[in-house]
Amino acid sequence: MTTDTPTVTHNGLTRLDDILLLGIMGILAACGLIYEYLLSHYAGRILGALEAAIYTMIGLMIVSMGFGAFAARKIKSAFDGFARLELSVALLGSLAILITAAVIGFGHELPKLIAQTMELPPDQLPDGGFIGKFQSVAVYLPYVWGVLLGLMIGMEIPLIARVRQALSDEHLLHNAGTIYGADYIGAGIGAAIWVAFMLALDTQLAAALTAGFNLLAGLLFILRFRERIQHANWLLAGHLLATGLLLILATKGPMWEQSFNNLLYKDNVIYSKATRFQQLTFTERLMGNHLPPVYSMYINGRLQFSSIDEHIYHAYLVHPVLAASARHDKVLVIGGGDGLALRQIYKWQPQQVTLLDLDKEVVTLFKNPPSEMPKRLAHALLALNGNAFNDPRVQVMFNDAFNGVDTLIQQGRKYDAIIVDLPDPSHPDLNKLYSDLFYRKLAQLLSADGAIGIQSTSPYHATKAFISIGKTLALAGFKVDQYHHNVPSFGEWGWSIGTLTGKDARSRLQTLQTLPVDDSWLTPGLIRAAFEFPKNFYSKNDQIKANTIGSLQLYHYHLQAWSDSQGVATF
């Protein structure tokens, strides 16, 4: 292995050169961290992967960076190696997500293409065998890119350190410490840029922007040290071509990526939006026979509602709770940013409704749809929730529910009924919103003769998680009952209902002869029947644990039960 001894006369490591190298190192550290976030974010947000996959991605990249640092010793010239490395990182980083989306989308379309070619009926799409293996392997492609990028990023620090040493006339004191200092500071700046700016960007656009900084760092390095770099002119030409590619990827890439991602959905995707917290996707299914289209909303690839049967879900979420409550003047809704639960609550003529949700952009979509949203979708969303957010009775608060309820407690608020309409506990941050501590907080907000209702996932597909939610609510001091009903888009679904004093909710509802509000689906008989479960449903109740704060018990139950994403391709 040759050394990096300078081949031309020089005056040592100048201050300007050192500032340039350390600045480049800081930029590359920021880019490296953003690549980690981008690939893990893509797996979690677009593919609907489990949260564990995100941590796996980051872990793989860190380990790969370590191997990359060792591999850098095999590069003969640090100047040549670094110049080529940054061009490679820029190309791979900008194309990884787009290629992944294309491959996974092709794998999902392959059965349809084969069926059309062989004129197979729609209910006989080929799967399994080669197709199944291809689809299974394709979802691991982000990890392949993560490993490759990790190897390349791991080479950067050793190469920059060797460049600094080669530019110095004598041993460079604190070389490693100086480089690592620039690296750590740059990584911190990258994290800040991600949170403040890139989190809400399309992933492909963010990848192209990040790759642009890799390209800029490589270009500055070549221009300053071109006399030490072999084939520098060819590398400059490569950077110019790569710049053109990045411009195309920044402008056209998001549309291409979205087109590939749309192949994962059963229906036609007509609108998508990335917020700071989640990816929203709306699909449309044309029914024919003068029937209205069916619109569905997905968050991070998971179905949230379908216009064809959302009224069933929300009727069971709201009406049993309010029917079991002594009064309905003040109602608290946790989650429910689509306003569909509000529409059902308004039937009870409340005086005031407080809705606490984290994502302001979701509420805005369902209150004042943006101009870029298709008009037919905008009209359909406002019709679905009855223009609920423009009703003067609703007060919307934007905060994490765990902290937001503390504000309500400090204000001395009391509510006649509480509706908790949160996503399933598929994320550690959501787990705390199903914990005993959170339910104890809600107990302080509930009137003594009121009732609380909680979306509780599927008792059929996630039995342990469903029962755990009920046990957790009981641990927080509530008298708890659970009920279920079939929602065609979701299958068998369940809810938990609790009271603090007096009769339990099921006893209160047993005497219900007529539903006080008009509903096209729900009847008193259906409500009573919903509390019936199969004979052995609770037979293993003693083996299921409540979700105490910090235990992540419910999160693990949920991961165990739900391995496939609803509404997108099954891998």
Protein backbone atom coordinates (compact mmCIF):
# COMPACT_ATOMS: atom_id res chain seq x y z
CA MET A 1 0.00 0.00 0.00
CA THR A 2 1.43 3.34 -1.00
CA THR A 3 1.49 6.36 1.23
CA ASP A 4 -0.06 9.76 0.67
CA THR A 5 3.27 11.61 0.66
CA PRO A 6 2.81 14.83 -1.34
CA THR A 7 4.31 14.71 -4.83
CA VAL A 8 4.51 18.47 -5.21
CA THR A 9 6.13 21.20 -3.20
CA HIS A 10 3.92 22.64 -0.50
CA ASN A 11 4.09 24.81 2.55
CA GLY A 12 2.36 22.44 4.97
CA LEU A 13 -1.24 22.32 6.08
CA THR A 14 -2.50 25.88 5.69
CA ARG A 15 -5.28 27.25 7.86
CA LEU A 16 -7.47 27.69 4.78
CA ASP A 17 -6.97 24.06 3.75
CA ASP A 18 -7.74 22.87 7.27
CA ILE A 19 -10.91 24.94 7.46
CA LEU A 20 -11.96 23.52 4.10
CA LEU A 21 -11.31 19.91 5.13
CA LEU A 22 -13.03 20.24 8.48
CA GLY A 23 -15.96 22.02 6.84
CA ILE A 24 -16.23 19.19 4.30
CA MET A 25 -16.13 16.66 7.14
CA GLY A 26 -18.94 18.47 8.95
CA ILE A 27 -21.06 18.55 5.79
CA LEU A 28 -20.49 14.85 5.17
CA ALA A 29 -21.36 13.95 8.76
CA ALA A 30 -24.65 15.82 8.40
CA CYS A 31 -25.35 14.03 5.11
CA GLY A 32 -24.51 10.64 6.61
CA LEU A 33 -26.93 11.10 9.49
CA ILE A 34 -29.67 12.29 7.14
CA TYR A 35 -29.18 9.20 4.94
CA GLU A 36 -29.70 7.03 8.03
CA TYR A 37 -32.92 8.87 8.83
CA LEU A 38 -34.10 8.83 5.21
CA LEU A 39 -33.75 5.09 4.69
CA SER A 40 -35.21 4.19 8.08
CA HIS A 41 -37.95 6.77 7.61
CA TYR A 42 -38.80 5.28 4.22
CA ALA A 43 -39.13 1.80 5.69
CA GLY A 44 -41.36 3.03 8.50
CA ARG A 45 -43.45 5.63 6.69
CA ILE A 46 -43.87 4.40 3.12
CA LEU A 47 -43.58 0.64 3.49
CA GLY A 48 -45.47 0.56 6.78
CA ALA A 49 -42.66 -1.45 8.35
CA LEU A 50 -42.59 -2.18 12.05
CA GLU A 51 -40.75 0.24 14.29
CA ALA A 52 -38.10 -2.41 14.93
CA ALA A 53 -37.13 -2.13 11.26
CA ILE A 54 -36.19 1.52 11.76
CA TYR A 55 -33.80 0.68 14.56
CA THR A 56 -32.44 -2.23 12.51
CA MET A 57 -31.62 0.15 9.66
CA ILE A 58 -29.71 2.56 11.89
CA GLY A 59 -27.87 -0.31 13.58
CA LEU A 60 -26.86 -1.84 10.25
CA MET A 61 -25.55 1.46 8.95
CA ILE A 62 -23.49 2.10 12.08
CA VAL A 63 -21.91 -1.36 11.92
CA SER A 64 -21.26 -0.93 8.19
CA MET A 65 -19.55 2.39 8.90
CA GLY A 66 -17.18 0.54 11.18
CA PHE A 67 -16.28 -1.93 8.44
CA GLY A 68 -15.94 0.98 6.03
CA ALA A 69 -13.39 2.61 8.31
CA PHE A 70 -11.30 -0.60 8.21
CA ALA A 71 -11.73 -0.90 4.43
CA ALA A 72 -10.39 2.64 3.93
CA ARG A 73 -6.91 1.33 4.75
CA LYS A 74 -6.90 -0.53 1.42
CA ILE A 75 -7.29 2.69 -0.58
CA LYS A 76 -3.84 3.65 -1.85
CA SER A 77 -4.34 7.37 -2.39
CA ALA A 78 -6.57 9.24 0.04
CA PHE A 79 -6.93 12.10 -2.45
CA ASP A 80 -8.09 9.88 -5.31
CA GLY A 81 -10.18 7.70 -3.04
CA PHE A 82 -12.04 10.56 -1.39
CA ALA A 83 -12.82 12.31 -4.69
CA ARG A 84 -14.32 9.12 -6.15
CA LEU A 85 -16.05 8.22 -2.89
CA GLU A 86 -18.16 11.36 -2.69
CA LEU A 87 -19.37 10.99 -6.27
CA SER A 88 -20.39 7.40 -5.48
CA VAL A 89 -22.15 8.38 -2.24
CA ALA A 90 -24.09 11.14 -4.03
CA LEU A 91 -25.27 8.78 -6.78
CA LEU A 92 -26.20 5.93 -4.43
CA GLY A 93 -27.84 8.20 -1.86
CA SER A 94 -29.98 9.97 -4.45
CA LEU A 95 -31.12 6.81 -6.27
CA ALA A 96 -31.57 4.29 -3.42
CA ILE A 97 -35.14 5.17 -2.47
CA LEU A 98 -36.34 5.58 -6.04
CA ILE A 99 -34.88 2.21 -7.08
CA THR A 100 -36.37 0.56 -3.99
CA ALA A 101 -39.82 1.97 -4.75
CA ALA A 102 -39.55 0.80 -8.37
CA VAL A 103 -38.50 -2.75 -7.46
CA ILE A 104 -41.15 -3.20 -4.77
CA GLY A 105 -43.82 -1.68 -7.01
CA PHE A 106 -42.83 -4.02 -9.84
CA GLY A 107 -43.03 -6.99 -7.48
CA HIS A 108 -46.56 -6.02 -6.53
CA GLU A 109 -47.61 -5.56 -10.18
CA LEU A 110 -45.97 -8.76 -11.40
CA PRO A 111 -48.90 -11.07 -10.47
CA LYS A 112 -51.30 -8.78 -12.33
CA LEU A 113 -49.08 -8.72 -15.42
CA ILE A 114 -48.82 -12.51 -15.44
CA ALA A 115 -52.56 -12.89 -14.88
CA GLN A 116 -53.34 -10.52 -17.76
CA THR A 117 -50.88 -12.28 -20.07
CA MET A 118 -52.34 -15.70 -19.26
CA GLU A 119 -55.92 -14.37 -19.10
CA LEU A 120 -56.45 -15.60 -15.54
CA PRO A 121 -59.55 -14.46 -13.61
CA PRO A 122 -59.06 -11.72 -10.97
CA ASP A 123 -59.48 -14.17 -8.08
CA GLN A 124 -56.61 -16.36 -9.32
CA LEU A 125 -53.68 -13.98 -9.22
CA PRO A 126 -50.45 -16.02 -8.99
CA ASP A 127 -48.51 -15.74 -5.77
CA GLY A 128 -46.01 -17.83 -3.90
CA GLY A 129 -43.07 -19.52 -5.56
CA PHE A 130 -40.75 -17.18 -7.43
CA ILE A 131 -43.17 -14.24 -7.15
CA GLY A 132 -43.54 -14.62 -3.41
CA LYS A 133 -39.78 -14.89 -2.95
CA PHE A 134 -39.17 -11.85 -5.13
CA GLN A 135 -41.68 -9.79 -3.11
CA SER A 136 -40.19 -11.01 0.18
CA VAL A 137 -36.63 -10.19 -0.87
CA ALA A 138 -37.57 -6.80 -2.35
CA VAL A 139 -38.59 -5.34 1.02
CA TYR A 140 -35.06 -5.90 2.30
CA LEU A 141 -33.61 -3.72 -0.44
CA PRO A 142 -33.51 -0.58 1.79
CA TYR A 143 -31.20 -2.49 4.14
CA VAL A 144 -28.89 -3.34 1.23
CA TRP A 145 -28.59 0.36 0.39
CA GLY A 146 -28.09 1.10 4.07
CA VAL A 147 -25.17 -1.31 4.29
CA LEU A 148 -23.55 0.04 1.09
CA LEU A 149 -23.97 3.66 2.16
CA GLY A 150 -22.70 2.80 5.64
CA LEU A 151 -19.54 1.26 4.17
CA MET A 152 -18.91 4.38 2.07
CA ILE A 153 -19.68 6.84 4.84
CA GLY A 154 -17.37 4.92 7.18
CA MET A 155 -14.47 5.54 4.79
CA GLU A 156 -14.80 9.31 4.92
CA ILE A 157 -13.22 10.03 8.30
CA PRO A 158 -10.07 7.90 7.74
CA LEU A 159 -9.56 9.38 4.27
CA ILE A 160 -9.93 12.98 5.44
CA ALA A 161 -7.56 12.25 8.33
CA ARG A 162 -4.96 10.90 5.89
CA VAL A 163 -5.39 13.94 3.64
CA ARG A 164 -4.76 16.30 6.57
CA GLN A 165 -1.72 14.29 7.58
CA ALA A 166 -0.38 14.25 4.02
CA LEU A 167 -0.65 18.03 3.83
CA SER A 168 1.34 18.47 7.03
CA ASP A 169 5.16 18.54 7.10
CA GLU A 170 5.24 16.65 10.39
CA HIS A 171 3.04 14.47 12.53
CA LEU A 172 -0.28 16.24 12.97
CA LEU A 173 -1.13 16.50 16.66
CA HIS A 174 -4.73 15.61 17.60
CA ASN A 175 -5.58 14.72 13.99
CA ALA A 176 -8.21 12.11 14.92
CA GLY A 177 -9.72 14.25 17.67
CA THR A 178 -10.09 17.24 15.36
CA ILE A 179 -11.72 15.17 12.62
CA TYR A 180 -14.12 13.48 15.02
CA GLY A 181 -15.00 16.83 16.54
CA ALA A 182 -16.03 18.13 13.11
CA ASP A 183 -17.90 14.86 12.50
CA TYR A 184 -19.92 15.03 15.73
CA ILE A 185 -20.80 18.69 15.27
CA GLY A 186 -21.80 18.06 11.66
CA ALA A 187 -23.99 15.11 12.68
CA GLY A 188 -25.73 17.32 15.22
CA ILE A 189 -26.39 19.95 12.57
CA GLY A 190 -27.70 17.22 10.26
CA ALA A 191 -30.14 16.06 12.93
CA ALA A 192 -31.36 19.63 13.41
CA ILE A 193 -31.83 20.08 9.64
CA TRP A 194 -33.78 16.83 9.49
CA VAL A 195 -36.17 17.77 12.29
CA ALA A 196 -36.63 21.40 11.30
CA PHE A 197 -36.76 21.10 7.54
CA MET A 198 -36.51 17.72 5.88
CA LEU A 199 -38.95 15.76 8.02
CA ALA A 200 -41.93 17.11 6.07
CA LEU A 201 -40.28 16.84 2.63
CA ASP A 202 -40.90 14.08 0.15
CA THR A 203 -38.27 11.42 0.80
CA GLN A 204 -36.93 11.44 -2.76
CA LEU A 205 -36.59 15.22 -2.77
CA ALA A 206 -34.79 15.08 0.59
CA ALA A 207 -32.46 12.38 -0.77
CA ALA A 208 -31.62 14.48 -3.85
CA LEU A 209 -30.94 17.56 -1.71
CA THR A 210 -28.69 15.60 0.64
CA ALA A 211 -26.80 14.05 -2.27
CA GLY A 212 -26.27 17.56 -3.63
CA PHE A 213 -24.19 18.43 -0.57
CA ASN A 214 -22.12 15.28 -1.02
CA LEU A 215 -21.53 16.35 -4.59
CA LEU A 216 -20.64 19.89 -3.50
CA ALA A 217 -18.14 18.59 -0.94
CA GLY A 218 -16.51 16.37 -3.56
CA LEU A 219 -16.40 19.21 -6.08
CA LEU A 220 -14.71 21.60 -3.64
CA PHE A 221 -12.19 18.93 -2.75
CA ILE A 222 -11.32 18.25 -6.41
CA LEU A 223 -11.00 21.95 -7.27
CA ARG A 224 -8.64 22.57 -4.36
CA PHE A 225 -6.48 19.43 -4.67
CA ARG A 226 -6.82 18.54 -8.35
CA GLU A 227 -3.05 18.39 -8.85
CA ARG A 228 -2.94 15.47 -6.40
CA ILE A 229 -5.88 13.60 -7.95
CA GLN A 230 -5.55 11.30 -10.95
CA HIS A 231 -8.06 11.87 -13.75
CA ALA A 232 -9.35 14.97 -11.99
CA ASN A 233 -10.91 16.32 -15.21
CA TRP A 234 -12.89 13.12 -15.68
CA LEU A 235 -14.09 13.34 -12.09
CA LEU A 236 -15.15 16.96 -12.64
CA ALA A 237 -17.12 15.85 -15.69
CA GLY A 238 -18.70 13.12 -13.60
CA HIS A 239 -19.73 15.69 -11.01
CA LEU A 240 -21.32 17.86 -13.70
CA LEU A 241 -23.29 14.90 -15.06
CA ALA A 242 -24.31 13.91 -11.54
CA THR A 243 -25.48 17.48 -10.92
CA GLY A 244 -27.79 17.22 -13.89
CA LEU A 245 -29.09 13.89 -12.62
CA LEU A 246 -29.77 15.37 -9.17
CA LEU A 247 -31.72 18.24 -10.71
CA ILE A 248 -33.90 15.72 -12.53
CA LEU A 249 -34.34 13.63 -9.37
CA ALA A 250 -35.24 16.70 -7.33
CA THR A 251 -37.91 17.85 -9.79
CA LYS A 252 -39.25 14.61 -11.27
CA GLY A 253 -38.11 12.09 -8.67
CA PRO A 254 -40.88 12.71 -6.09
CA MET A 255 -43.53 12.13 -8.76
CA TRP A 256 -41.81 8.94 -9.96
CA GLU A 257 -41.38 7.68 -6.41
CA GLN A 258 -45.01 8.34 -5.59
CA SER A 259 -46.10 6.53 -8.75
CA PHE A 260 -44.13 3.46 -7.68
CA ASN A 261 -45.45 3.67 -4.11
CA ASN A 262 -49.00 3.94 -5.42
CA LEU A 263 -48.68 0.47 -6.92
CA LEU A 264 -48.85 -0.92 -3.38
CA TYR A 265 -52.44 0.21 -2.90
CA LYS A 266 -55.49 -1.66 -4.10
CA ASP A 267 -57.25 1.47 -5.36
CA ASN A 268 -56.13 4.49 -7.34
CA VAL A 269 -54.06 6.97 -5.30
CA ILE A 270 -55.35 10.48 -5.97
CA TYR A 271 -53.65 12.53 -3.26
CA SER A 272 -50.64 12.14 -0.95
CA LYS A 273 -49.12 14.46 1.60
CA ALA A 274 -46.20 14.16 3.99
CA THR A 275 -46.61 15.96 7.31
CA ARG A 276 -43.99 16.33 10.03
CA PHE A 277 -45.34 13.21 11.69
CA GLN A 278 -46.75 10.89 9.05
CA GLN A 279 -47.42 10.08 5.40
CA LEU A 280 -51.05 10.56 4.33
CA THR A 281 -52.41 8.77 1.28
CA PHE A 282 -55.93 8.99 -0.15
CA THR A 283 -57.27 6.46 -2.64
CA GLU A 284 -60.36 6.37 -4.85
CA ARG A 285 -62.35 3.37 -6.07
CA LEU A 286 -64.91 3.98 -8.81
CA MET A 287 -67.99 1.83 -8.21
CA GLY A 288 -70.12 2.32 -11.35
CA ASN A 289 -73.91 1.87 -11.48
CA HIS A 290 -74.25 5.51 -10.39
CA LEU A 291 -72.79 4.64 -6.96
CA PRO A 292 -70.50 7.20 -5.32
CA PRO A 293 -66.75 6.52 -5.32
CA VAL A 294 -65.16 4.95 -2.27
CA TYR A 295 -62.45 7.07 -0.68
CA SER A 296 -59.93 5.63 1.78
CA MET A 297 -57.26 7.25 3.90
CA TYR A 298 -53.98 5.58 4.87
CA ILE A 299 -51.42 6.77 7.39
CA ASN A 300 -47.94 5.32 6.88
CA GLY A 301 -49.45 2.62 4.68
CA ARG A 302 -52.09 1.56 7.23
CA LEU A 303 -55.77 2.01 6.51
CA GLN A 304 -57.44 4.60 8.76
CA PHE A 305 -60.91 4.67 7.26
CA SER A 306 -62.89 3.86 4.14
CA SER A 307 -65.87 5.99 3.21
CA ILE A 308 -67.91 2.87 2.50
CA ASP A 309 -68.05 1.74 6.14
CA GLU A 310 -66.38 4.34 8.39
CA HIS A 311 -69.84 5.16 9.78
CA ILE A 312 -69.99 1.68 11.34
CA TYR A 313 -66.68 2.12 13.14
CA HIS A 314 -67.47 5.62 14.39
CA ALA A 315 -71.01 4.74 15.44
CA TYR A 316 -69.63 2.01 17.72
CA LEU A 317 -66.85 4.28 18.93
CA VAL A 318 -69.16 7.14 19.95
CA HIS A 319 -72.78 6.14 20.59
CA PRO A 320 -72.38 3.43 23.27
CA VAL A 321 -70.12 5.79 25.26
CA LEU A 322 -72.48 8.76 25.10
CA ALA A 323 -75.51 6.54 25.75
CA ALA A 324 -73.78 5.29 28.92
CA SER A 325 -72.94 8.82 30.08
CA ALA A 326 -75.36 10.74 32.29
CA ARG A 327 -74.84 13.98 30.34
CA HIS A 328 -73.40 15.00 26.99
CA ASP A 329 -72.72 18.71 27.45
CA LYS A 330 -68.92 18.53 27.35
CA VAL A 331 -67.05 15.87 25.41
CA LEU A 332 -63.31 15.30 25.02
CA VAL A 333 -61.89 13.59 21.93
CA ILE A 334 -58.29 12.31 21.94
CA GLY A 335 -57.11 11.93 18.34
CA GLY A 336 -59.82 11.92 15.70
CA GLY A 337 -58.11 14.49 13.46
CA ASP A 338 -60.35 13.49 10.53
CA GLY A 339 -63.43 14.86 12.30
CA LEU A 340 -65.47 11.71 11.68
CA ALA A 341 -66.03 11.06 15.38
CA LEU A 342 -67.06 14.70 15.79
CA ARG A 343 -69.84 14.23 13.26
CA GLN A 344 -71.32 11.44 15.40
CA ILE A 345 -70.86 13.39 18.65
CA TYR A 346 -72.77 16.38 17.31
CA LYS A 347 -75.88 14.18 17.07
CA TRP A 348 -76.00 14.31 20.88
CA GLN A 349 -76.20 18.13 20.85
CA PRO A 350 -73.18 18.83 23.08
CA GLN A 351 -72.48 22.36 24.24
CA GLN A 352 -68.73 22.03 23.78
CA VAL A 353 -66.30 19.49 22.31
CA THR A 354 -62.56 19.60 22.90
CA LEU A 355 -60.43 17.72 20.37
CA LEU A 356 -56.77 17.07 21.18
CA ASP A 357 -54.61 15.96 18.24
CA LEU A 358 -50.89 16.03 17.47
CA ASP A 359 -50.89 16.71 13.73
CA LYS A 360 -52.20 20.15 12.77
CA GLU A 361 -51.81 19.42 9.06
CA VAL A 362 -54.25 16.50 9.25
CA VAL A 363 -56.92 18.64 10.87
CA THR A 364 -56.31 21.35 8.26
CA LEU A 365 -56.91 18.83 5.46
CA PHE A 366 -60.32 17.98 6.90
CA LYS A 367 -61.20 21.56 7.77
CA ASN A 368 -59.98 23.57 4.78
CA PRO A 369 -58.74 21.17 2.09
CA PRO A 370 -55.78 22.65 0.16
CA SER A 371 -56.20 23.86 -3.40
CA GLU A 372 -53.93 21.13 -4.79
CA MET A 373 -56.26 18.42 -3.45
CA PRO A 374 -58.68 17.12 -6.12
CA LYS A 375 -61.99 18.93 -5.76
CA ARG A 376 -64.00 15.73 -5.67
CA LEU A 377 -61.89 14.44 -2.77
CA ALA A 378 -62.13 17.74 -0.90
CA HIS A 379 -65.92 17.74 -1.21
CA ALA A 380 -66.10 14.09 -0.15
CA LEU A 381 -64.01 14.66 2.99
CA LEU A 382 -66.09 17.63 4.10
CA ALA A 383 -69.26 15.65 3.44
CA LEU A 384 -67.96 12.68 5.44
CA ASN A 385 -67.28 14.67 8.58
CA GLY A 386 -70.18 17.09 8.09
CA ASN A 387 -67.78 20.06 8.00
CA ALA A 388 -67.20 19.25 11.67
CA PHE A 389 -64.18 21.49 12.28
CA ASN A 390 -66.04 24.62 11.23
CA ASP A 391 -68.64 24.10 13.94
CA PRO A 392 -68.29 26.76 16.68
CA ARG A 393 -68.75 24.15 19.41
CA VAL A 394 -65.39 22.49 18.79
CA GLN A 395 -62.13 23.65 20.36
CA VAL A 396 -59.05 22.06 18.76
CA MET A 397 -55.80 21.74 20.69
CA PHE A 398 -52.57 20.62 19.01
CA ASN A 399 -50.25 18.74 21.31
CA ASP A 400 -49.01 15.29 22.13
CA ALA A 401 -51.95 13.77 23.99
CA PHE A 402 -49.81 12.57 26.89
CA ASN A 403 -48.75 16.15 27.66
CA GLY A 404 -51.88 17.85 26.36
CA VAL A 405 -54.15 16.23 28.94
CA ASP A 406 -51.89 17.68 31.66
CA THR A 407 -52.83 21.14 30.42
CA LEU A 408 -56.53 20.25 30.65
CA ILE A 409 -56.05 18.91 34.17
CA GLN A 410 -54.25 22.09 35.23
CA GLN A 411 -57.17 24.09 33.86
CA GLY A 412 -59.56 22.09 36.03
CA ARG A 413 -61.56 20.76 33.07
CA LYS A 414 -64.23 18.07 33.49
CA TYR A 415 -65.93 16.16 30.70
CA ASP A 416 -69.16 14.17 30.59
CA ALA A 417 -67.65 11.70 28.12
CA ILE A 418 -64.21 10.97 26.68
CA ILE A 419 -63.58 9.36 23.29
CA VAL A 420 -60.06 8.05 22.59
CA ASP A 421 -59.60 7.50 18.85
CA LEU A 422 -55.87 6.89 18.45
CA PRO A 423 -53.95 4.73 15.96
CA ASP A 424 -53.01 1.24 17.06
CA PRO A 425 -49.97 1.04 19.40
CA SER A 426 -47.57 0.17 16.59
CA HIS A 427 -44.95 2.66 17.78
CA PRO A 428 -43.28 3.01 21.20
CA ASP A 429 -44.46 6.63 21.40
CA LEU A 430 -48.07 5.50 20.94
CA ASN A 431 -47.68 2.81 23.59
CA LYS A 432 -47.65 5.42 26.38
CA LEU A 433 -51.08 6.63 25.21
CA TYR A 434 -52.44 3.18 26.08
CA SER A 435 -50.71 3.02 29.46
CA ASP A 436 -52.15 2.95 32.98
CA LEU A 437 -50.66 6.38 33.71
CA PHE A 438 -52.37 7.97 30.71
CA TYR A 439 -55.71 6.42 31.65
CA ARG A 440 -55.29 7.71 35.22
CA LYS A 441 -54.84 11.17 33.77
CA LEU A 442 -58.06 10.78 31.78
CA ALA A 443 -59.84 9.62 34.94
CA GLN A 444 -59.11 13.05 36.47
CA LEU A 445 -60.87 14.68 33.52
CA LEU A 446 -63.98 12.47 33.51
CA SER A 447 -67.10 13.36 35.47
CA ALA A 448 -68.03 10.80 38.11
CA ASP A 449 -71.12 9.65 36.17
CA GLY A 450 -69.49 9.83 32.74
CA ALA A 451 -68.04 7.15 30.47
CA ILE A 452 -64.87 6.71 28.46
CA GLY A 453 -64.48 4.81 25.19
CA ILE A 454 -61.22 3.62 23.63
CA GLN A 455 -60.40 2.24 20.20
CA SER A 456 -58.88 -1.13 21.12
CA THR A 457 -57.67 -2.82 17.89
CA SER A 458 -59.00 -6.16 16.66
CA PRO A 459 -60.09 -8.78 19.21
CA TYR A 460 -59.75 -11.41 16.48
CA HIS A 461 -56.35 -10.58 14.97
CA ALA A 462 -54.74 -9.07 18.09
CA THR A 463 -56.50 -10.78 20.99
CA LYS A 464 -53.76 -10.22 23.57
CA ALA A 465 -53.46 -6.54 22.69
CA PHE A 466 -57.25 -6.11 22.87
CA ILE A 467 -57.53 -7.75 26.29
CA SER A 468 -54.46 -5.88 27.56
CA ILE A 469 -56.12 -2.53 26.81
CA GLY A 470 -59.13 -3.53 28.89
CA LYS A 471 -56.94 -4.71 31.76
CA THR A 472 -54.92 -1.49 31.63
CA LEU A 473 -58.08 0.62 31.82
CA ALA A 474 -59.19 -1.44 34.83
CA LEU A 475 -55.79 -0.95 36.47
CA ALA A 476 -56.34 2.80 36.17
CA GLY A 477 -59.51 2.53 38.31
CA PHE A 478 -62.29 2.09 35.73
CA LYS A 479 -65.06 -0.47 35.63
CA VAL A 480 -64.40 -1.94 32.22
CA ASP A 481 -66.41 -3.70 29.55
CA GLN A 482 -65.35 -4.54 26.02
CA TYR A 483 -67.36 -4.91 22.85
CA HIS A 484 -66.82 -5.69 19.17
CA HIS A 485 -68.40 -5.60 15.73
CA ASN A 486 -67.43 -6.33 12.15
CA VAL A 487 -66.20 -3.35 10.12
CA PRO A 488 -65.75 -4.76 6.59
CA SER A 489 -62.63 -2.72 5.77
CA PHE A 490 -60.91 -3.82 8.99
CA GLY A 491 -62.58 -7.09 9.88
CA GLU A 492 -63.62 -7.77 13.46
CA TRP A 493 -62.87 -4.67 15.52
CA GLY A 494 -63.10 -3.85 19.20
CA TRP A 495 -63.56 -1.07 21.72
CA SER A 496 -63.24 -0.72 25.49
CA ILE A 497 -65.65 1.30 27.61
CA GLY A 498 -65.23 2.34 31.23
CA THR A 499 -67.03 4.12 34.06
CA LEU A 500 -65.74 5.40 37.38
CA THR A 501 -68.73 5.14 39.74
CA GLY A 502 -72.18 3.59 39.75
CA LYS A 503 -73.09 0.85 37.31
CA ASP A 504 -70.67 -0.37 34.68
CA ALA A 505 -71.34 0.70 31.10
CA ARG A 506 -72.77 -2.63 29.98
CA SER A 507 -75.37 -2.58 32.75
CA ARG A 508 -76.33 0.98 31.84
CA LEU A 509 -76.81 0.01 28.20
CA GLN A 510 -78.79 -3.17 28.87
CA THR A 511 -81.92 -1.14 29.60
CA LEU A 512 -81.59 0.97 26.47
CA GLN A 513 -84.77 0.53 24.43
CA THR A 514 -84.23 3.18 21.79
CA LEU A 515 -81.13 4.96 20.65
CA PRO A 516 -81.57 8.67 21.52
CA VAL A 517 -80.00 9.72 18.22
CA ASP A 518 -80.60 8.72 14.64
CA ASP A 519 -78.09 6.31 13.16
CA SER A 520 -78.39 4.35 9.95
CA TRP A 521 -76.64 1.27 11.35
CA LEU A 522 -76.69 1.03 15.12
CA THR A 523 -79.62 -0.25 17.20
CA PRO A 524 -79.96 -1.02 20.95
CA GLY A 525 -80.03 -4.72 20.07
CA LEU A 526 -76.74 -4.49 18.15
CA ILE A 527 -75.17 -2.61 21.06
CA ARG A 528 -76.18 -5.31 23.55
CA ALA A 529 -75.01 -8.08 21.22
CA ALA A 530 -71.63 -6.38 20.76
CA PHE A 531 -70.70 -7.20 24.38
CA GLU A 532 -70.98 -10.94 23.73
CA PHE A 533 -67.75 -12.84 23.00
CA PRO A 534 -67.03 -16.49 22.20
CA LYS A 535 -67.12 -18.84 25.18
CA ASN A 536 -63.35 -19.17 25.62
CA PHE A 537 -62.34 -15.69 24.51
CA TYR A 538 -61.12 -14.61 27.96
CA SER A 539 -59.88 -18.07 29.01
CA LYS A 540 -56.24 -16.91 29.09
CA ASN A 541 -57.04 -13.56 30.66
CA ASP A 542 -54.74 -14.25 33.66
CA GLN A 543 -51.75 -14.71 31.36
CA ILE A 544 -52.16 -11.31 29.69
CA LYS A 545 -50.54 -8.30 31.35
CA ALA A 546 -51.72 -4.73 31.65
CA ASN A 547 -49.68 -2.05 29.90
CA THR A 548 -47.94 -0.21 32.71
CA ILE A 549 -46.06 2.94 31.78
CA GLY A 550 -42.58 2.17 30.48
CA SER A 551 -43.22 -1.56 30.02
CA LEU A 552 -43.98 -1.47 26.25
CA GLN A 553 -46.12 -4.52 26.98
CA LEU A 554 -48.94 -3.56 24.63
CA TYR A 555 -46.50 -2.56 21.91
CA HIS A 556 -44.98 -6.05 21.99
CA TYR A 557 -48.41 -7.70 21.95
CA HIS A 558 -49.28 -5.61 18.92
CA LEU A 559 -46.05 -6.44 17.09
CA GLN A 560 -46.61 -10.10 17.74
CA ALA A 561 -50.12 -10.00 16.32
CA TRP A 562 -49.84 -7.66 13.32
CA SER A 563 -47.08 -8.66 10.92
CA ASP A 564 -48.74 -7.36 7.76
CA SER A 565 -49.83 -3.85 6.88
CA GLN A 566 -53.49 -3.33 6.11
CA GLY A 567 -54.48 -2.01 2.74
CA VAL A 568 -51.06 -2.33 1.07
CA ALA A 569 -49.31 -5.23 -0.56
CA THR A 570 -48.75 -8.22 1.71
CA PHE A 571 -45.06 -9.13 1.69
